Amino acid sequence: MEKSISRSKYILIALVILVPMIILLFAGCEQTGKMIESIEKTNTVGNIDTYTITYTDGTTYEFTIENGTDGADATANIQDIYSVAVENGYSGTILEFISSYLQVETDDTAATSLALLPSVTVKAPYTRTITQPVLVDGMLQIITYDQEVTSAGSGVIYKLDKSTGDAYIITNYHVVYANDNQNDNKISDSITVTLYGSSEDIPAEYVGGSMTYDIAVLRVENSELLQESSAQAISFVDSDIINVGETAIAVGNPQGLGISATSGIVSVDSEYISMTAVDEVSQVTFRVIRVDTAINSGNSGGGLFNKNGELIGIVNARMSNTSIENIAYAIPANIAISVADNIIDNANDDLDGVQKFVIGVSVVGENSRAVYDTETATTQIVEDAVINEITSGSLAESAGLSVGDVINSIAINYTTYDITRHFQVTDRMLTVRAGESVVINYTRDGTEGSVTFTADALNFTTIA
């Protein structure tokens, strides 16, 4: 957010991640037995590509790849080539194969282009009251006057109807809220957004938001500019399974100068940060993705994208310290989307804030471990989601859940979600709506069981 006031040791901002296209180049390397000298595409017939492996002893081996309807322009993927190498005697893992035989060059252009289309700048003007002492005829007097201020940040188009020019936009709550705003709710009442490549502001209405989650939703209606534009809604991924080392492209509005992009990687897939909230009184704790992507004031509310141009988070903070470089944070896409949907759905019912289903349990992660997947050459952290506290008189107590139960899965309206991290339990409760069925499967002393809840309106709490 571009504003002259610093709110805490964390400067709240947003970022966008540049997604790379991968071009594979092959090189020989020392290896026992015969070595691969080169792998190249030698023929294309329709959607069938023929590749030839040449070994250092002069022998060759051919294999084919079916690429669908665009075979003439496609290339074999790493897994295809690795599988053929294994069939011909290679015994290493896919990660060792990549390290030994493949050089990877990245070009973030395609991913960034996709990330730019749903990206917008956000302007949130407001009026504040200034009180200051001045000397008048040699005497000290206190004067009061109004000052116009504009908060500049970023956002992403979440839902879009091109035919009507309607859209929902996700941004940070701290972009549109200002503690010194004269308005009673502290929210700007004249918000505008600007599409990438445009200089024309589009009026946007504040739908709702949450200071606790630092997410706000804006609405644009009947915009001819939006109808005629190339703007697109975001595509997003399951942010619970992102990998450390993934490309992280941040698209935002640094210093309020317009949309630009920076690129880095995911440094930590999930962690917690605490800071003073935008009201300058409350303390808030966010679960975030840490990245080393360059982030600046004005990036707040912008998207963080992966190598395919898909949203993995909404940037909202960075470390500000002379001894720290490139430590920035983004709200995971799963949380941002869940909160946005919650705000939109409940705004239609004239409910303010986020409505969260509460069963009365506290969950912690135990037996945390890293699991390496040889097929994808990625490492994921998994843990047991263990109940460590149950609120007296709660739904959980009435249903018979106990401290020590390990939650395996949660089914919401008959859609089942596996639980592999403890935070997924509370995150999933953001997606529950009144009247829906919630089934929790658990393990107790080696035996599985389940409990079923009906989400009564009385069991929701409002999170500001």
Protein backbone atom coordinates (compact mmCIF):
# COMPACT_ATOMS: atom_id res chain seq x y z
CA MET A 1 0.00 0.00 0.00
CA GLU A 2 1.44 3.38 -0.95
CA LYS A 3 0.92 5.73 1.97
CA SER A 4 3.18 8.00 3.94
CA ILE A 5 2.35 6.42 7.30
CA SER A 6 4.28 3.39 8.56
CA ARG A 7 2.04 1.17 10.69
CA SER A 8 4.48 -1.33 12.26
CA LYS A 9 7.77 -3.11 11.78
CA TYR A 10 6.02 -4.93 8.94
CA ILE A 11 5.13 -2.77 5.95
CA LEU A 12 1.88 -4.13 4.57
CA ILE A 13 2.08 -4.63 0.80
CA ALA A 14 1.05 -6.98 -2.03
CA LEU A 15 2.97 -8.88 -4.71
CA VAL A 16 2.62 -10.91 -7.90
CA ILE A 17 4.69 -13.98 -8.89
CA LEU A 18 6.20 -14.43 -12.35
CA VAL A 19 5.70 -17.90 -13.74
CA PRO A 20 8.46 -19.41 -15.91
CA MET A 21 8.15 -21.52 -19.03
CA ILE A 22 10.70 -24.35 -18.95
CA ILE A 23 12.93 -25.07 -21.93
CA LEU A 24 14.89 -28.30 -21.59
CA LEU A 25 18.51 -28.52 -22.76
CA PHE A 26 20.44 -31.78 -22.41
CA ALA A 27 24.08 -32.41 -21.51
CA GLY A 28 26.21 -35.51 -20.90
CA CYS A 29 27.59 -36.26 -17.44
CA GLU A 30 29.85 -38.79 -15.74
CA GLN A 31 27.82 -41.95 -15.03
CA THR A 32 28.62 -45.64 -14.63
CA GLY A 33 27.82 -47.71 -17.73
CA LYS A 34 27.02 -46.01 -21.02
CA MET A 35 26.12 -42.35 -20.80
CA ILE A 36 23.50 -40.24 -22.53
CA GLU A 37 25.14 -37.82 -24.92
CA SER A 38 22.00 -36.15 -26.26
CA ILE A 39 18.22 -36.40 -26.54
CA GLU A 40 16.56 -34.63 -29.43
CA LYS A 41 13.28 -34.61 -31.34
CA THR A 42 14.04 -36.13 -34.74
CA ASN A 43 10.62 -36.45 -36.39
CA THR A 44 6.98 -35.35 -36.10
CA VAL A 45 4.03 -37.04 -37.79
CA GLY A 46 0.66 -35.57 -36.85
CA ASN A 47 0.57 -35.46 -33.06
CA ILE A 48 3.31 -38.08 -32.65
CA ASP A 49 6.86 -36.89 -31.93
CA THR A 50 9.88 -39.19 -32.26
CA TYR A 51 12.84 -38.60 -29.96
CA THR A 52 16.28 -40.14 -30.32
CA ILE A 53 18.62 -40.83 -27.40
CA THR A 54 22.27 -40.96 -28.43
CA TYR A 55 24.71 -42.66 -26.05
CA THR A 56 28.43 -41.98 -25.76
CA ASP A 57 29.26 -45.39 -27.23
CA GLY A 58 27.53 -44.39 -30.46
CA THR A 59 24.37 -46.45 -29.98
CA THR A 60 20.93 -44.86 -30.21
CA TYR A 61 17.41 -45.52 -28.98
CA GLU A 62 14.15 -44.05 -30.33
CA PHE A 63 10.88 -43.44 -28.49
CA THR A 64 7.66 -41.63 -29.33
CA ILE A 65 5.50 -39.13 -27.44
CA GLU A 66 1.85 -38.44 -28.21
CA ASN A 67 1.19 -34.72 -27.67
CA GLY A 68 -2.49 -34.35 -28.51
CA THR A 69 -3.63 -31.93 -31.19
CA ASP A 70 -0.68 -29.58 -30.87
CA GLY A 71 2.09 -32.12 -31.32
CA ALA A 72 4.01 -30.04 -33.86
CA ASP A 73 4.79 -27.41 -31.24
CA ALA A 74 4.97 -29.58 -28.12
CA THR A 75 8.00 -31.00 -26.35
CA ALA A 76 8.41 -34.10 -24.23
CA ASN A 77 8.10 -33.49 -20.52
CA ILE A 78 10.68 -34.49 -17.93
CA GLN A 79 8.66 -37.44 -16.66
CA ASP A 80 8.37 -38.94 -20.18
CA ILE A 81 12.11 -38.73 -20.79
CA TYR A 82 12.95 -40.03 -17.31
CA SER A 83 10.67 -43.05 -17.81
CA VAL A 84 12.42 -43.96 -21.07
CA ALA A 85 15.83 -43.54 -19.41
CA VAL A 86 14.78 -45.94 -16.61
CA GLU A 87 13.58 -48.49 -19.18
CA ASN A 88 17.06 -48.33 -20.71
CA GLY A 89 19.03 -48.89 -17.56
CA TYR A 90 19.09 -45.60 -15.66
CA SER A 91 18.77 -46.31 -11.91
CA GLY A 92 18.75 -42.86 -10.29
CA THR A 93 15.80 -40.80 -9.05
CA ILE A 94 14.10 -38.23 -11.27
CA LEU A 95 15.80 -35.44 -9.31
CA GLU A 96 19.21 -37.04 -9.94
CA PHE A 97 18.30 -37.40 -13.61
CA ILE A 98 17.43 -33.71 -13.88
CA SER A 99 20.64 -32.72 -12.10
CA SER A 100 22.76 -35.01 -14.29
CA TYR A 101 21.34 -34.51 -17.76
CA LEU A 102 19.12 -31.47 -17.94
CA GLN A 103 19.89 -27.77 -17.89
CA VAL A 104 16.86 -25.63 -17.19
CA GLU A 105 16.39 -22.13 -18.54
CA THR A 106 13.43 -20.07 -17.47
CA ASP A 107 11.41 -17.48 -19.31
CA ASP A 108 8.72 -15.89 -17.17
CA THR A 109 7.06 -14.01 -20.05
CA ALA A 110 4.12 -16.36 -20.65
CA ALA A 111 3.31 -16.79 -16.96
CA THR A 112 3.60 -13.09 -16.27
CA SER A 113 1.34 -12.27 -19.22
CA LEU A 114 -1.34 -14.50 -17.72
CA ALA A 115 -0.83 -12.89 -14.31
CA LEU A 116 -1.21 -9.37 -15.70
CA LEU A 117 -4.70 -9.93 -17.13
CA PRO A 118 -6.53 -10.29 -13.78
CA SER A 119 -4.36 -7.67 -12.04
CA VAL A 120 -5.61 -4.19 -11.14
CA THR A 121 -4.41 -1.15 -9.26
CA VAL A 122 -6.60 0.03 -6.40
CA LYS A 123 -7.05 3.64 -5.27
CA ALA A 124 -8.85 4.36 -2.00
CA PRO A 125 -9.11 8.12 -1.31
CA TYR A 126 -10.30 9.38 2.06
CA THR A 127 -10.37 12.49 4.24
CA ARG A 128 -8.57 12.78 7.55
CA THR A 129 -8.53 15.51 10.20
CA ILE A 130 -5.19 17.16 10.94
CA THR A 131 -4.60 19.00 14.22
CA GLN A 132 -1.35 20.89 14.68
CA PRO A 133 0.11 23.87 16.59
CA VAL A 134 1.03 27.06 14.70
CA LEU A 135 2.37 30.45 15.68
CA VAL A 136 -0.10 33.30 15.07
CA ASP A 137 1.16 36.81 15.94
CA GLY A 138 3.77 35.24 18.18
CA MET A 139 1.23 33.13 20.04
CA LEU A 140 0.90 29.34 19.84
CA GLN A 141 -2.51 28.24 18.57
CA ILE A 142 -4.00 24.87 17.64
CA ILE A 143 -5.58 24.67 14.21
CA THR A 144 -7.62 21.85 12.69
CA TYR A 145 -8.14 21.18 8.98
CA ASP A 146 -9.12 18.39 6.58
CA GLN A 147 -6.56 16.65 4.39
CA GLU A 148 -7.25 14.48 1.34
CA VAL A 149 -5.19 11.26 1.20
CA THR A 150 -5.14 8.41 -1.31
CA SER A 151 -4.16 4.88 -0.40
CA ALA A 152 -2.73 3.05 -3.44
CA GLY A 153 -2.59 -0.73 -3.62
CA SER A 154 -3.32 -3.68 -5.86
CA GLY A 155 -5.92 -6.37 -6.45
CA VAL A 156 -6.94 -9.33 -8.59
CA ILE A 157 -10.15 -10.04 -10.47
CA TYR A 158 -11.72 -13.06 -8.78
CA LYS A 159 -15.02 -13.41 -10.64
CA LEU A 160 -15.86 -11.81 -13.98
CA ASP A 161 -18.92 -11.56 -16.22
CA LYS A 162 -17.72 -9.92 -19.42
CA SER A 163 -21.24 -9.78 -20.88
CA THR A 164 -22.44 -7.42 -18.14
CA GLY A 165 -19.16 -5.80 -17.14
CA ASP A 166 -19.50 -7.11 -13.58
CA ALA A 167 -16.62 -8.36 -11.44
CA TYR A 168 -15.57 -9.19 -7.90
CA ILE A 169 -12.06 -8.11 -6.94
CA ILE A 170 -9.91 -9.34 -4.04
CA THR A 171 -7.53 -6.95 -2.31
CA ASN A 172 -6.12 -6.42 1.19
CA TYR A 173 -8.32 -4.96 3.89
CA HIS A 174 -5.55 -2.53 4.82
CA VAL A 175 -5.64 -1.06 1.29
CA VAL A 176 -9.20 0.26 1.69
CA TYR A 177 -9.25 0.82 5.48
CA ALA A 178 -7.50 3.74 7.18
CA ASN A 179 -7.63 4.32 10.92
CA ASP A 180 -7.56 8.10 10.44
CA ASN A 181 -10.42 8.08 7.90
CA GLN A 182 -13.25 10.40 8.95
CA ASN A 183 -15.84 7.80 7.88
CA ASP A 184 -17.39 5.81 10.71
CA ASN A 185 -16.35 2.45 9.24
CA LYS A 186 -12.90 3.79 8.21
CA ILE A 187 -13.43 2.42 4.67
CA SER A 188 -12.91 4.61 1.61
CA ASP A 189 -16.22 5.48 -0.02
CA SER A 190 -14.78 6.37 -3.46
CA ILE A 191 -12.65 3.34 -4.41
CA THR A 192 -11.53 2.90 -8.02
CA VAL A 193 -9.60 0.19 -9.85
CA THR A 194 -7.54 0.34 -13.05
CA LEU A 195 -6.91 -2.54 -15.44
CA TYR A 196 -3.44 -3.39 -16.71
CA GLY A 197 -2.66 -1.30 -19.78
CA SER A 198 -5.43 1.22 -19.07
CA SER A 199 -5.29 4.71 -17.60
CA GLU A 200 -9.03 4.97 -16.91
CA ASP A 201 -10.36 4.45 -13.39
CA ILE A 202 -13.36 2.16 -12.84
CA PRO A 203 -15.57 2.85 -9.79
CA ALA A 204 -15.68 -0.06 -7.34
CA GLU A 205 -17.96 -0.70 -4.36
CA TYR A 206 -16.74 -2.15 -1.07
CA VAL A 207 -18.60 -5.43 -0.45
CA GLY A 208 -17.01 -6.47 2.83
CA GLY A 209 -13.76 -7.40 4.48
CA SER A 210 -11.92 -8.82 7.45
CA MET A 211 -9.12 -7.15 9.38
CA THR A 212 -8.25 -10.52 10.94
CA TYR A 213 -7.59 -12.11 7.54
CA ASP A 214 -6.57 -8.85 5.78
CA ILE A 215 -8.87 -9.60 2.86
CA ALA A 216 -11.46 -7.27 1.31
CA VAL A 217 -13.80 -7.76 -1.63
CA LEU A 218 -14.75 -5.03 -4.11
CA ARG A 219 -17.47 -5.10 -6.75
CA VAL A 220 -17.57 -3.51 -10.20
CA GLU A 221 -20.88 -3.32 -12.04
CA ASN A 222 -21.87 -2.40 -15.61
CA SER A 223 -18.39 -1.36 -16.73
CA GLU A 224 -18.14 -0.92 -20.49
CA LEU A 225 -14.38 -0.68 -20.12
CA LEU A 226 -14.34 -4.11 -18.49
CA GLN A 227 -16.62 -5.53 -21.20
CA GLU A 228 -14.30 -4.37 -23.98
CA SER A 229 -11.03 -5.28 -22.24
CA SER A 230 -8.82 -8.37 -22.36
CA ALA A 231 -9.12 -8.75 -18.58
CA GLN A 232 -9.60 -12.25 -17.18
CA ALA A 233 -10.49 -13.73 -13.82
CA ILE A 234 -7.73 -15.49 -11.91
CA SER A 235 -7.09 -19.21 -12.06
CA PHE A 236 -5.92 -20.53 -8.69
CA VAL A 237 -4.41 -23.67 -7.22
CA ASP A 238 -4.55 -25.58 -3.94
CA SER A 239 -2.07 -23.54 -1.91
CA ASP A 240 -1.76 -26.34 0.68
CA ILE A 241 0.43 -28.32 -1.74
CA ILE A 242 2.75 -25.65 -3.10
CA ASN A 243 6.43 -26.47 -2.95
CA VAL A 244 9.42 -24.62 -1.57
CA GLY A 245 11.43 -23.48 -4.58
CA GLU A 246 8.41 -22.82 -6.81
CA THR A 247 8.53 -19.67 -8.87
CA ALA A 248 6.70 -16.82 -7.17
CA ILE A 249 5.66 -13.95 -9.44
CA ALA A 250 4.30 -10.84 -7.80
CA VAL A 251 2.23 -8.37 -9.82
CA GLY A 252 1.35 -5.15 -8.08
CA ASN A 253 1.38 -1.37 -7.95
CA PRO A 254 4.67 -0.41 -6.21
CA GLN A 255 4.78 3.18 -5.01
CA GLY A 256 1.44 3.72 -6.74
CA LEU A 257 3.20 4.09 -10.10
CA GLY A 258 1.24 1.39 -11.95
CA ILE A 259 1.30 -2.36 -12.43
CA SER A 260 4.68 -4.09 -12.60
CA ALA A 261 6.01 -7.57 -11.91
CA THR A 262 8.83 -9.11 -9.88
CA SER A 263 9.93 -12.72 -9.59
CA GLY A 264 11.39 -15.01 -6.93
CA ILE A 265 10.68 -18.34 -5.29
CA VAL A 266 8.64 -19.76 -2.42
CA SER A 267 10.93 -19.77 0.62
CA VAL A 268 8.56 -21.30 3.20
CA ASP A 269 5.26 -22.94 2.25
CA SER A 270 3.41 -22.09 5.48
CA GLU A 271 4.28 -20.09 8.60
CA TYR A 272 2.78 -17.51 10.95
CA ILE A 273 3.54 -13.83 11.44
CA SER A 274 2.09 -11.47 14.05
CA MET A 275 1.81 -7.69 13.91
CA THR A 276 -0.26 -4.71 14.93
CA ALA A 277 -3.42 -4.59 12.85
CA VAL A 278 -4.41 -1.75 10.58
CA ASP A 279 -6.55 -0.24 13.36
CA GLU A 280 -3.22 0.36 15.19
CA VAL A 281 -4.64 -1.30 18.31
CA SER A 282 -5.41 -4.97 17.71
CA GLN A 283 -2.82 -7.72 17.34
CA VAL A 284 -3.33 -10.10 14.43
CA THR A 285 -1.65 -13.33 13.38
CA PHE A 286 -1.64 -14.38 9.73
CA ARG A 287 -0.79 -17.76 8.23
CA VAL A 288 1.32 -16.89 5.21
CA ILE A 289 3.59 -18.10 2.43
CA ARG A 290 7.09 -16.64 2.64
CA VAL A 291 8.80 -15.62 -0.63
CA ASP A 292 12.03 -13.90 -1.64
CA THR A 293 10.27 -11.92 -4.38
CA ALA A 294 10.93 -8.17 -4.28
CA ILE A 295 7.93 -6.42 -2.69
CA ASN A 296 7.36 -2.69 -2.21
CA SER A 297 4.73 -0.37 -0.78
CA GLY A 298 1.75 -0.37 -3.14
CA ASN A 299 2.00 -4.09 -3.89
CA SER A 300 -0.58 -4.82 -1.17
CA GLY A 301 -3.51 -6.89 -2.40
CA GLY A 302 -1.78 -8.03 -5.58
CA GLY A 303 -1.46 -11.62 -6.68
CA LEU A 304 1.31 -14.14 -6.18
CA PHE A 305 1.45 -16.53 -9.14
CA ASN A 306 3.10 -19.84 -9.96
CA LYS A 307 4.86 -21.05 -13.12
CA ASN A 308 1.51 -21.51 -14.89
CA GLY A 309 0.21 -18.02 -14.09
CA GLU A 310 -2.11 -19.43 -11.41
CA LEU A 311 -2.76 -17.62 -8.13
CA ILE A 312 -1.05 -19.12 -5.08
CA GLY A 313 -1.49 -16.15 -2.73
CA ILE A 314 -2.37 -12.50 -2.06
CA VAL A 315 0.67 -10.50 -0.96
CA ASN A 316 0.16 -8.53 2.20
CA ALA A 317 3.42 -7.93 4.09
CA ARG A 318 7.18 -7.79 4.02
CA MET A 319 9.94 -7.43 6.58
CA SER A 320 11.30 -3.90 6.82
CA ASN A 321 14.75 -3.85 8.38
CA THR A 322 18.15 -2.73 7.16
CA SER A 323 19.61 -6.15 8.01
CA ILE A 324 16.94 -8.10 6.07
CA GLU A 325 16.59 -8.53 2.32
CA ASN A 326 13.71 -10.00 0.31
CA ILE A 327 11.54 -11.53 3.01
CA ALA A 328 7.94 -11.02 2.00
CA TYR A 329 4.64 -12.72 2.71
CA ALA A 330 1.41 -13.66 0.97
CA ILE A 331 -1.92 -14.92 2.29
CA PRO A 332 -2.33 -18.44 0.82
CA ALA A 333 -4.83 -18.69 -2.03
CA ASN A 334 -6.97 -21.22 -0.13
CA ILE A 335 -7.53 -18.73 2.69
CA ALA A 336 -7.98 -15.71 0.40
CA ILE A 337 -10.55 -17.49 -1.79
CA SER A 338 -12.41 -19.01 1.19
CA VAL A 339 -12.63 -15.63 2.91
CA ALA A 340 -13.71 -13.86 -0.30
CA ASP A 341 -16.47 -16.42 -0.95
CA ASN A 342 -17.54 -16.14 2.68
CA ILE A 343 -17.76 -12.34 2.43
CA ILE A 344 -19.68 -12.46 -0.86
CA ASP A 345 -22.16 -15.12 0.30
CA ASN A 346 -22.85 -13.49 3.65
CA ALA A 347 -23.07 -9.98 2.20
CA ASN A 348 -26.06 -11.24 0.23
CA ASP A 349 -27.65 -12.09 3.60
CA ASP A 350 -26.74 -8.67 5.05
CA LEU A 351 -24.15 -10.20 7.40
CA ASP A 352 -20.97 -8.26 8.09
CA GLY A 353 -17.51 -9.80 8.32
CA VAL A 354 -16.55 -13.45 8.00
CA GLN A 355 -18.93 -16.08 9.36
CA LYS A 356 -16.98 -19.12 10.61
CA PHE A 357 -18.48 -22.45 11.69
CA VAL A 358 -17.27 -23.37 15.19
CA ILE A 359 -17.37 -26.89 16.66
CA GLY A 360 -15.23 -26.08 19.70
CA VAL A 361 -11.89 -27.79 19.16
CA SER A 362 -8.28 -26.64 19.18
CA VAL A 363 -5.96 -28.60 16.89
CA VAL A 364 -2.16 -28.86 16.85
CA GLY A 365 0.28 -30.54 14.50
CA GLU A 366 2.23 -33.54 15.79
CA ASN A 367 4.66 -36.00 14.20
CA SER A 368 5.61 -33.46 11.53
CA ARG A 369 7.82 -34.91 8.79
CA ALA A 370 9.05 -34.22 5.28
CA VAL A 371 7.93 -36.63 2.56
CA TYR A 372 9.81 -36.82 -0.74
CA ASP A 373 7.85 -37.84 -3.86
CA THR A 374 10.17 -39.47 -6.42
CA GLU A 375 7.54 -39.16 -9.17
CA THR A 376 7.23 -35.37 -8.89
CA ALA A 377 10.67 -34.73 -7.37
CA THR A 378 9.06 -32.55 -4.69
CA THR A 379 9.07 -32.53 -0.89
CA GLN A 380 5.96 -31.93 1.20
CA ILE A 381 5.56 -31.51 4.96
CA VAL A 382 2.82 -33.65 6.50
CA GLU A 383 1.71 -33.97 10.11
CA ASP A 384 -1.00 -35.42 12.33
CA ALA A 385 -3.83 -33.00 13.15
CA VAL A 386 -4.41 -33.76 16.83
CA ILE A 387 -7.18 -32.34 19.03
CA ASN A 388 -5.52 -30.81 22.09
CA GLU A 389 -8.47 -28.94 23.60
CA ILE A 390 -12.27 -29.19 23.53
CA THR A 391 -14.51 -26.33 24.65
CA SER A 392 -16.98 -27.24 27.38
CA GLY A 393 -20.55 -27.40 26.08
CA SER A 394 -19.43 -27.30 22.45
CA LEU A 395 -20.65 -29.32 19.48
CA ALA A 396 -17.42 -31.34 19.59
CA GLU A 397 -17.99 -32.33 23.23
CA SER A 398 -21.62 -33.27 22.55
CA ALA A 399 -20.60 -35.37 19.53
CA GLY A 400 -18.06 -37.32 21.58
CA LEU A 401 -14.76 -36.07 20.17
CA SER A 402 -11.86 -36.39 22.61
CA VAL A 403 -8.49 -34.79 23.26
CA GLY A 404 -5.89 -36.87 21.43
CA ASP A 405 -8.14 -37.75 18.47
CA VAL A 406 -6.31 -37.46 15.14
CA ILE A 407 -8.47 -35.84 12.44
CA ASN A 408 -8.05 -37.68 9.13
CA SER A 409 -10.58 -35.91 6.91
CA ILE A 410 -13.48 -33.47 6.84
CA ALA A 411 -16.46 -33.87 4.51
CA ILE A 412 -18.50 -30.72 3.83
CA ASN A 413 -21.78 -31.36 2.03
CA TYR A 414 -20.42 -34.77 0.97
CA THR A 415 -17.17 -33.46 -0.50
CA THR A 416 -14.27 -35.00 1.42
CA TYR A 417 -11.01 -33.19 2.15
CA ASP A 418 -8.00 -35.10 3.51
CA ILE A 419 -6.30 -33.43 6.46
CA THR A 420 -2.49 -33.53 6.26
CA ARG A 421 -1.70 -30.29 8.14
CA HIS A 422 -3.34 -29.08 11.35
CA PHE A 423 -4.28 -25.65 9.95
CA GLN A 424 -6.50 -27.26 7.32
CA VAL A 425 -9.10 -28.03 9.99
CA THR A 426 -9.79 -24.38 10.83
CA ASP A 427 -9.31 -23.25 7.20
CA ARG A 428 -12.04 -25.64 6.03
CA MET A 429 -14.51 -24.22 8.54
CA LEU A 430 -14.48 -20.97 6.55
CA THR A 431 -16.18 -22.80 3.67
CA VAL A 432 -19.11 -24.15 5.71
CA ARG A 433 -22.50 -22.50 5.25
CA ALA A 434 -25.61 -22.69 7.46
CA GLY A 435 -27.59 -25.89 6.94
CA GLU A 436 -24.70 -27.89 5.48
CA SER A 437 -23.51 -31.28 6.73
CA VAL A 438 -20.02 -31.61 8.22
CA VAL A 439 -18.53 -35.07 8.85
CA ILE A 440 -15.23 -35.44 10.71
CA ASN A 441 -13.34 -38.72 10.39
CA TYR A 442 -10.81 -39.37 13.15
CA THR A 443 -8.54 -42.04 14.61
CA ARG A 444 -8.55 -42.82 18.35
CA ASP A 445 -6.18 -45.44 19.76
CA GLY A 446 -5.77 -47.00 16.33
CA THR A 447 -9.51 -47.20 15.62
CA GLU A 448 -11.31 -44.96 13.13
CA GLY A 449 -14.57 -43.20 13.90
CA SER A 450 -16.66 -40.31 12.62
CA VAL A 451 -19.03 -37.64 13.87
CA THR A 452 -21.60 -35.66 11.91
CA PHE A 453 -22.69 -32.07 12.49
CA THR A 454 -25.41 -29.96 10.89
CA ALA A 455 -24.21 -26.38 10.64
CA ASP A 456 -26.85 -24.49 12.59
CA ALA A 457 -26.76 -20.70 12.29
CA LEU A 458 -26.21 -20.46 16.05
CA ASN A 459 -22.85 -22.21 15.73
CA PHE A 460 -21.22 -19.53 13.59
CA THR A 461 -19.07 -16.72 14.93
CA THR A 462 -18.38 -13.41 13.23
CA ILE A 463 -14.72 -12.62 12.62
CA ALA A 464 -14.13 -8.91 11.97
